[in-house]
Protein backbone atom coordinates (compact mmCIF):
# COMPACT_ATOMS: atom_id res chain seq x y z
CA UNK A 1 -61.99 -3.36 114.99
CA UNK A 2 -60.17 -0.03 114.74
CA UNK A 3 -57.49 0.81 117.27
CA UNK A 4 -54.24 2.64 117.73
CA UNK A 5 -50.97 0.78 117.94
CA UNK A 6 -48.95 2.91 120.32
CA UNK A 7 -45.23 3.34 120.94
CA UNK A 8 -44.07 1.24 123.87
CA UNK A 9 -41.73 2.57 126.55
CA UNK A 10 -38.07 2.45 125.56
CA UNK A 11 -36.51 -0.40 127.56
CA UNK A 12 -33.44 -2.49 126.75
CA UNK A 13 -34.63 -6.03 126.00
CA UNK A 14 -31.42 -7.12 124.27
CA UNK A 15 -30.52 -9.31 127.23
CA UNK A 16 -33.70 -11.39 126.84
CA UNK A 17 -34.46 -11.19 123.12
CA UNK A 18 -31.95 -11.68 120.29
CA UNK A 19 -30.64 -8.35 119.09
CA UNK A 20 -31.80 -8.76 115.49
CA UNK A 21 -35.38 -9.27 116.68
CA UNK A 22 -35.05 -6.40 119.15
CA UNK A 23 -34.03 -4.00 116.39
CA UNK A 24 -36.79 -5.17 114.04
CA UNK A 25 -39.35 -4.85 116.86
CA UNK A 26 -38.37 -1.20 117.40
CA UNK A 27 -38.74 -0.51 113.68
CA UNK A 28 -42.25 -1.95 113.65
CA UNK A 29 -43.39 0.05 116.65
CA UNK A 30 -42.34 3.28 114.96
CA UNK A 31 -44.95 2.66 112.28
CA UNK A 32 -47.72 3.26 114.80
CA UNK A 33 -46.48 6.47 116.42
CA UNK A 34 -49.16 9.14 116.34
CA UNK A 35 -51.40 7.31 113.94
CA UNK A 36 -53.89 4.50 113.38
CA UNK A 37 -52.63 1.33 111.83
CA UNK A 38 -55.98 0.66 110.24
CA UNK A 39 -59.14 -1.34 110.66
CA UNK A 40 -57.64 -4.60 111.82
CA UNK A 41 -58.68 -7.72 113.62
CA UNK A 42 -56.29 -9.05 116.21
CA UNK A 43 -55.43 -11.87 113.82
CA UNK A 44 -54.41 -9.45 111.10
CA UNK A 45 -52.44 -7.37 113.58
CA UNK A 46 -50.45 -10.42 114.66
CA UNK A 47 -49.84 -11.22 111.00
CA UNK A 48 -48.63 -7.67 110.37
CA UNK A 49 -46.28 -7.83 113.35
CA UNK A 50 -44.86 -11.10 112.07
CA UNK A 51 -44.48 -9.74 108.54
CA UNK A 52 -42.72 -6.61 109.71
CA UNK A 53 -40.41 -8.61 111.96
CA UNK A 54 -39.61 -10.82 108.96
CA UNK A 55 -40.08 -13.72 111.35
CA UNK A 56 -39.61 -17.20 109.95
CA UNK A 57 -39.37 -20.73 111.27
CA UNK A 58 -35.74 -21.56 112.00
CA UNK A 59 -34.04 -24.69 110.77
CA UNK A 60 -32.11 -26.93 113.15
CA UNK A 61 -28.89 -25.24 112.06
CA UNK A 62 -30.10 -21.72 112.82
CA UNK A 63 -29.56 -20.54 116.36
CA UNK A 64 -30.22 -17.62 118.66
CA UNK A 65 -28.02 -16.14 121.33
CA UNK A 66 -29.40 -15.21 124.72
CA UNK A 67 -27.12 -13.65 127.34
CA UNK A 68 -24.17 -14.88 125.31
CA UNK A 69 -25.39 -18.50 125.18
CA UNK A 70 -26.26 -20.20 121.92
CA UNK A 71 -29.86 -21.46 121.95
CA UNK A 72 -32.04 -23.25 119.46
CA UNK A 73 -35.52 -21.86 118.91
CA UNK A 74 -37.98 -24.69 119.56
CA UNK A 75 -39.95 -25.69 116.49
CA UNK A 76 -43.57 -24.60 116.39
CA UNK A 77 -44.69 -28.20 115.95
CA UNK A 78 -42.97 -29.31 119.17
CA UNK A 79 -44.05 -26.26 121.17
CA UNK A 80 -47.68 -26.84 120.23
CA UNK A 81 -47.64 -30.63 120.68
CA UNK A 82 -45.78 -31.19 123.95
CA UNK A 83 -47.75 -29.42 126.67
CA UNK A 84 -48.98 -29.60 130.24
CA UNK A 85 -52.58 -28.43 130.53
CA UNK A 86 -54.28 -30.73 133.04
CA UNK A 87 -57.73 -29.36 132.30
CA UNK A 88 -57.47 -31.43 129.09
CA UNK A 89 -55.67 -34.47 130.50
CA UNK A 90 -52.44 -35.76 132.04
CA UNK A 91 -50.57 -36.79 128.89
CA UNK A 92 -48.38 -34.26 127.05
CA UNK A 93 -50.40 -34.99 123.90
CA UNK A 94 -53.84 -34.53 125.50
CA UNK A 95 -54.01 -30.72 125.23
CA UNK A 96 -53.55 -30.80 121.46
CA UNK A 97 -55.91 -33.76 121.00
CA UNK A 98 -58.70 -32.39 123.21
CA UNK A 99 -58.22 -28.62 122.96
CA UNK A 100 -60.89 -28.25 120.28
CA UNK A 101 -63.53 -28.12 123.02
CA UNK A 102 -62.31 -24.68 124.14
CA UNK A 103 -64.22 -21.71 122.70
CA UNK A 104 -61.91 -18.71 122.84
CA UNK A 105 -64.08 -16.01 121.30
CA UNK A 106 -65.73 -13.98 122.66
CA UNK A 107 -63.65 -14.00 125.83
CA UNK A 108 -64.32 -11.77 128.83
CA UNK A 109 -61.84 -11.06 131.63
CA UNK A 110 -63.00 -9.84 135.04
CA UNK A 111 -60.50 -7.55 136.80
CA UNK A 112 -61.35 -6.86 140.42
CA UNK A 113 -60.12 -6.49 143.99
CA UNK A 114 -57.95 -3.71 145.41
CA UNK A 115 -58.10 -1.42 142.37
CA UNK A 116 -59.68 1.91 141.52
CA UNK A 117 -61.03 0.81 138.15
CA UNK A 118 -62.60 -2.67 138.36
CA UNK A 119 -63.90 -3.88 135.03
CA UNK A 120 -65.10 -6.71 132.87
CA UNK A 121 -63.51 -6.37 129.47
CA UNK A 122 -63.60 -8.33 126.25
CA UNK A 123 -60.15 -9.54 125.23
CA UNK A 124 -60.35 -7.87 121.83
CA UNK A 125 -61.09 -4.55 123.54
CA UNK A 126 -58.21 -5.02 125.97
CA UNK A 127 -55.76 -5.76 123.16
CA UNK A 128 -56.80 -2.54 121.44
CA UNK A 129 -55.57 -0.57 124.46
CA UNK A 130 -52.08 -2.06 124.82
CA UNK A 131 -48.77 -2.40 122.95
CA UNK A 132 -48.21 -5.81 121.40
CA UNK A 133 -44.57 -6.91 121.30
CA UNK A 134 -42.70 -10.05 120.36
CA UNK A 135 -40.32 -11.56 122.93
CA UNK A 136 -38.20 -14.67 122.58
CA UNK A 137 -38.02 -16.24 126.05
CA UNK A 138 -36.68 -19.37 127.63
CA UNK A 139 -39.39 -21.67 128.98
CA UNK A 140 -38.39 -24.02 131.82
CA UNK A 141 -40.80 -26.65 133.14
CA UNK A 142 -40.53 -27.81 136.74
CA UNK A 143 -40.23 -31.33 135.28
CA UNK A 144 -36.71 -30.38 134.10
CA UNK A 145 -37.40 -29.91 130.40
CA UNK A 146 -37.20 -26.64 128.48
CA UNK A 147 -38.00 -24.79 125.27
CA UNK A 148 -37.24 -21.42 123.65
CA UNK A 149 -40.48 -19.77 122.50
CA UNK A 150 -41.31 -16.56 120.59
CA UNK A 151 -44.32 -14.99 122.32
CA UNK A 152 -46.53 -12.12 121.21
CA UNK A 153 -48.22 -10.23 124.03
CA UNK A 154 -48.15 -7.13 126.18
CA UNK A 155 -46.45 -6.20 129.40
CA UNK A 156 -48.68 -6.97 132.37
CA UNK A 157 -47.78 -3.64 133.90
CA UNK A 158 -49.80 -1.91 131.17
CA UNK A 159 -52.96 -3.54 132.49
CA UNK A 160 -51.93 -2.83 136.09
CA UNK A 161 -51.55 0.87 135.36
CA UNK A 162 -54.91 0.86 133.58
CA UNK A 163 -56.83 -0.42 136.61
CA UNK A 164 -54.83 1.58 139.22
CA UNK A 165 -54.17 -0.65 142.24
CA UNK A 166 -54.85 0.83 145.67
CA UNK A 167 -52.16 1.00 148.36
CA UNK A 168 -53.55 -2.23 149.80
CA UNK A 169 -52.76 -4.25 146.66
CA UNK A 170 -49.70 -6.42 147.23
CA UNK A 171 -50.49 -9.53 145.14
CA UNK A 172 -52.21 -10.49 141.90
CA UNK A 173 -54.13 -13.75 141.54
CA UNK A 174 -55.04 -15.18 138.14
CA UNK A 175 -57.78 -17.76 137.56
CA UNK A 176 -58.36 -20.08 134.61
CA UNK A 177 -61.86 -20.36 133.20
CA UNK A 178 -63.94 -22.97 135.03
CA UNK A 179 -66.21 -24.81 132.57
CA UNK A 180 -66.26 -28.66 132.54
CA UNK A 181 -68.00 -28.57 129.16
CA UNK A 182 -64.87 -27.00 127.68
CA UNK A 183 -62.25 -28.46 130.02
CA UNK A 184 -63.17 -32.15 130.42
CA UNK A 185 -60.84 -32.86 133.36
CA UNK A 186 -62.53 -30.19 135.47
CA UNK A 187 -65.40 -32.65 135.73
CA UNK A 188 -63.22 -35.19 137.56
CA UNK A 189 -60.94 -38.07 136.67
CA UNK A 190 -61.19 -38.92 132.96
CA UNK A 191 -63.89 -36.27 132.55
CA UNK A 192 -66.56 -38.40 134.22
CA UNK A 193 -68.33 -35.35 135.69
CA UNK A 194 -68.27 -36.75 139.21
CA UNK A 195 -67.84 -33.50 141.04
CA UNK A 196 -66.03 -30.19 140.91
CA UNK A 197 -63.13 -31.32 143.11
CA UNK A 198 -62.95 -34.96 142.07
CA UNK A 199 -59.69 -34.54 140.15
CA UNK A 200 -56.36 -34.53 141.97
CA UNK A 201 -56.28 -30.75 141.38
CA UNK A 202 -58.83 -28.39 142.87
CA UNK A 203 -60.05 -26.52 139.80
CA UNK A 204 -60.29 -23.78 138.71
CA UNK A 205 -56.53 -23.40 138.43
CA UNK A 206 -55.12 -20.35 140.23
CA UNK A 207 -51.72 -18.72 140.22
CA UNK A 208 -50.32 -15.57 141.76
CA UNK A 209 -47.48 -13.06 141.72
CA UNK A 210 -46.27 -10.33 143.99
CA UNK A 211 -47.18 -6.94 142.59
CA UNK A 212 -43.53 -6.01 142.00
CA UNK A 213 -43.00 -9.23 140.03
CA UNK A 214 -46.09 -8.46 137.96
CA UNK A 215 -44.85 -4.92 137.30
CA UNK A 216 -41.50 -6.11 135.92
CA UNK A 217 -41.19 -5.38 132.17
CA UNK A 218 -40.33 -9.03 131.39
CA UNK A 219 -43.73 -10.22 132.68
CA UNK A 220 -46.16 -10.66 129.78
CA UNK A 221 -49.75 -11.52 129.14
CA UNK A 222 -49.34 -13.47 125.90
CA UNK A 223 -51.99 -13.71 123.20
CA UNK A 224 -49.87 -15.30 120.49
CA UNK A 225 -46.77 -17.30 119.63
CA UNK A 226 -44.96 -18.12 116.39
CA UNK A 227 -46.69 -15.06 114.79
CA UNK A 228 -50.15 -16.60 115.37
CA UNK A 229 -52.86 -16.52 118.02
CA UNK A 230 -52.34 -18.89 120.92
CA UNK A 231 -53.78 -22.34 120.37
CA UNK A 232 -55.90 -23.96 123.11
CA UNK A 233 -53.08 -26.31 124.13
CA UNK A 234 -50.83 -23.30 124.76
CA UNK A 235 -53.32 -21.39 126.88
CA UNK A 236 -55.59 -19.59 124.44
CA UNK A 237 -56.72 -16.94 124.28
CA UNK A 238 -54.53 -15.28 126.96
CA UNK A 239 -51.93 -16.62 129.38
CA UNK A 240 -49.25 -15.43 131.76
CA UNK A 241 -45.55 -15.61 130.81
CA UNK A 242 -42.91 -15.02 133.50
CA UNK A 243 -39.62 -16.29 132.03
CA UNK A 244 -37.64 -16.67 135.26
CA UNK A 245 -40.23 -18.96 136.88
CA UNK A 246 -41.18 -22.58 136.31
CA UNK A 247 -43.90 -23.19 133.76
CA UNK A 248 -46.59 -24.11 136.28
CA UNK A 249 -46.65 -20.43 137.32
CA UNK A 250 -47.61 -19.38 133.78
CA UNK A 251 -51.36 -19.87 134.08
CA UNK A 252 -53.39 -20.42 130.92
CA UNK A 253 -56.83 -19.36 129.62
CA UNK A 254 -57.20 -16.56 132.17
CA UNK A 255 -60.67 -15.16 132.76
CA UNK A 256 -60.22 -13.46 136.15
CA UNK A 257 -57.51 -11.24 137.65
CA UNK A 258 -57.73 -10.16 141.28
CA UNK A 259 -55.61 -7.65 143.20
CA UNK A 260 -55.23 -8.76 146.81
CA UNK A 261 -53.79 -7.47 150.07
CA UNK A 262 -52.91 -10.90 151.50
CA UNK A 263 -50.77 -13.56 149.84
CA UNK A 264 -53.07 -16.16 148.23
CA UNK A 265 -52.48 -19.89 147.86
CA UNK A 266 -51.84 -21.11 144.32
CA UNK A 267 -53.20 -24.40 142.98
CA UNK A 268 -50.02 -26.48 143.15
CA UNK A 269 -49.03 -24.94 146.46
CA UNK A 270 -52.38 -26.05 147.88
CA UNK A 271 -52.13 -29.50 146.30
CA UNK A 272 -48.62 -30.32 147.51
CA UNK A 273 -46.98 -27.64 149.71
CA UNK A 274 -43.97 -29.91 150.34
CA UNK A 275 -43.07 -29.74 146.64
CA UNK A 276 -44.45 -26.42 145.37
CA UNK A 277 -44.25 -22.99 146.93
CA UNK A 278 -45.54 -19.52 146.17
CA UNK A 279 -42.64 -18.34 144.02
CA UNK A 280 -41.65 -21.14 141.65
CA UNK A 281 -38.36 -19.45 140.77
CA UNK A 282 -35.97 -21.49 138.61
CA UNK A 283 -32.92 -22.40 140.69
CA UNK A 284 -30.43 -25.16 139.79
CA UNK A 285 -29.17 -25.26 143.38
CA UNK A 286 -32.60 -25.99 144.88
CA UNK A 287 -33.75 -29.49 143.97
CA UNK A 288 -37.32 -30.59 143.67
CA UNK A 289 -37.93 -33.13 146.47
CA UNK A 290 -38.03 -35.89 143.87
CA UNK A 291 -35.40 -34.80 141.33
CA UNK A 292 -32.50 -32.43 140.72
CA UNK A 293 -33.06 -29.10 138.97
CA UNK A 294 -29.38 -28.64 138.08
CA UNK A 295 -29.88 -29.58 134.42
CA UNK A 296 -32.65 -29.77 131.84
CA UNK A 297 -33.66 -31.70 128.75
CA UNK A 298 -34.18 -29.34 125.81
CA UNK A 299 -37.20 -30.46 123.79
CA UNK A 300 -36.10 -31.36 120.27
CA UNK A 301 -32.44 -31.86 121.19
CA UNK A 302 -30.33 -34.68 122.56
CA UNK A 303 -28.72 -34.68 125.94
CA UNK A 304 -29.05 -32.15 128.75
CA UNK A 305 -27.77 -28.66 129.47
CA UNK A 306 -27.07 -26.91 132.79
CA UNK A 307 -29.99 -24.95 134.21
CA UNK A 308 -29.25 -21.28 134.88
CA UNK A 309 -30.30 -19.41 138.01
CA UNK A 310 -33.61 -17.64 137.40
CA UNK A 311 -33.60 -19.32 133.99
CA UNK A 312 -30.89 -16.98 132.70
CA UNK A 313 -32.64 -13.74 133.71
CA UNK A 314 -30.86 -13.24 137.05
CA UNK A 315 -29.29 -9.90 136.15
CA UNK A 316 -32.76 -8.57 135.32
CA UNK A 317 -34.77 -9.86 138.30
CA UNK A 318 -32.59 -11.16 141.15
CA UNK A 319 -32.91 -7.80 142.94
CA UNK A 320 -36.56 -8.69 143.56
CA UNK A 321 -35.44 -11.40 145.98
CA UNK A 322 -32.54 -9.67 147.74
CA UNK A 323 -32.18 -10.91 151.30
CA UNK A 324 -34.58 -13.83 150.89
CA UNK A 325 -33.66 -17.46 151.45
CA UNK A 326 -33.36 -19.05 147.99
CA UNK A 327 -34.56 -22.37 149.33
CA UNK A 328 -37.85 -20.69 150.27
CA UNK A 329 -38.41 -19.33 146.74
CA UNK A 330 -39.27 -22.71 145.23
């Protein structure tokens, strides 16, 4: 597939991505200005990005700094083995064990609702129209564990500008593919195919953002991590990444995106509104009804560390919630 790799807008990401990666990222993007990289598959493009970034797996002694704090990059093995993806099962190991049932190519995404340019587009075609970047982000699960993950993806706002929302569009809802043949738990408890809604969750999984949250430059649609395509257990072939929110907001295996006028109800909000709200913002001062969110267990490390407001990205995004009650942003 032949496509242009275009220069991305110049935005300071040093506060969210280590400076050495930020500088290398800028150098790579310059290679594509005004020209065609070549006849590449998405796989080879991801490999070229990784090569140009000189990205390598970090040892336990190598560390990154994010907003002045020393962080360990989570190993690829841990980040691809310890996952929540209830369409495959309830154990952290189920997504890796059972993810082979997911067929990620070809993959079509339907984009509809309050937009001027509704479309159904193959993922490969979509990727050819956007700027792929690498971002190293914190990942904080609502269960009070965390990782630091290097994602490859594109800013969601690129897609938003492409489809041109109408003035009525205030929210974006994302939906995971519904197919019990590929996602065994969508068929009911233990994959027994006893009805669409037989599981404790009402599949297909849905998540949503306000339009201004979706337009923020930190919000990504990720197609890769650790210089490779996403694996099924991590949400292949495309997932949402919003680093200041809890992980349950970062919906996986997206096949529909809808622009809406009214605020929709997300899957966990519908399942248990006493414990999960629309926003899912990380806040150490707002406890989950069943546990504190003041600290977190870092996967691959001993002990716990303090949780930061908005997962460490407060100076970038807290203006989005000015005047709102923080206890209502859970």
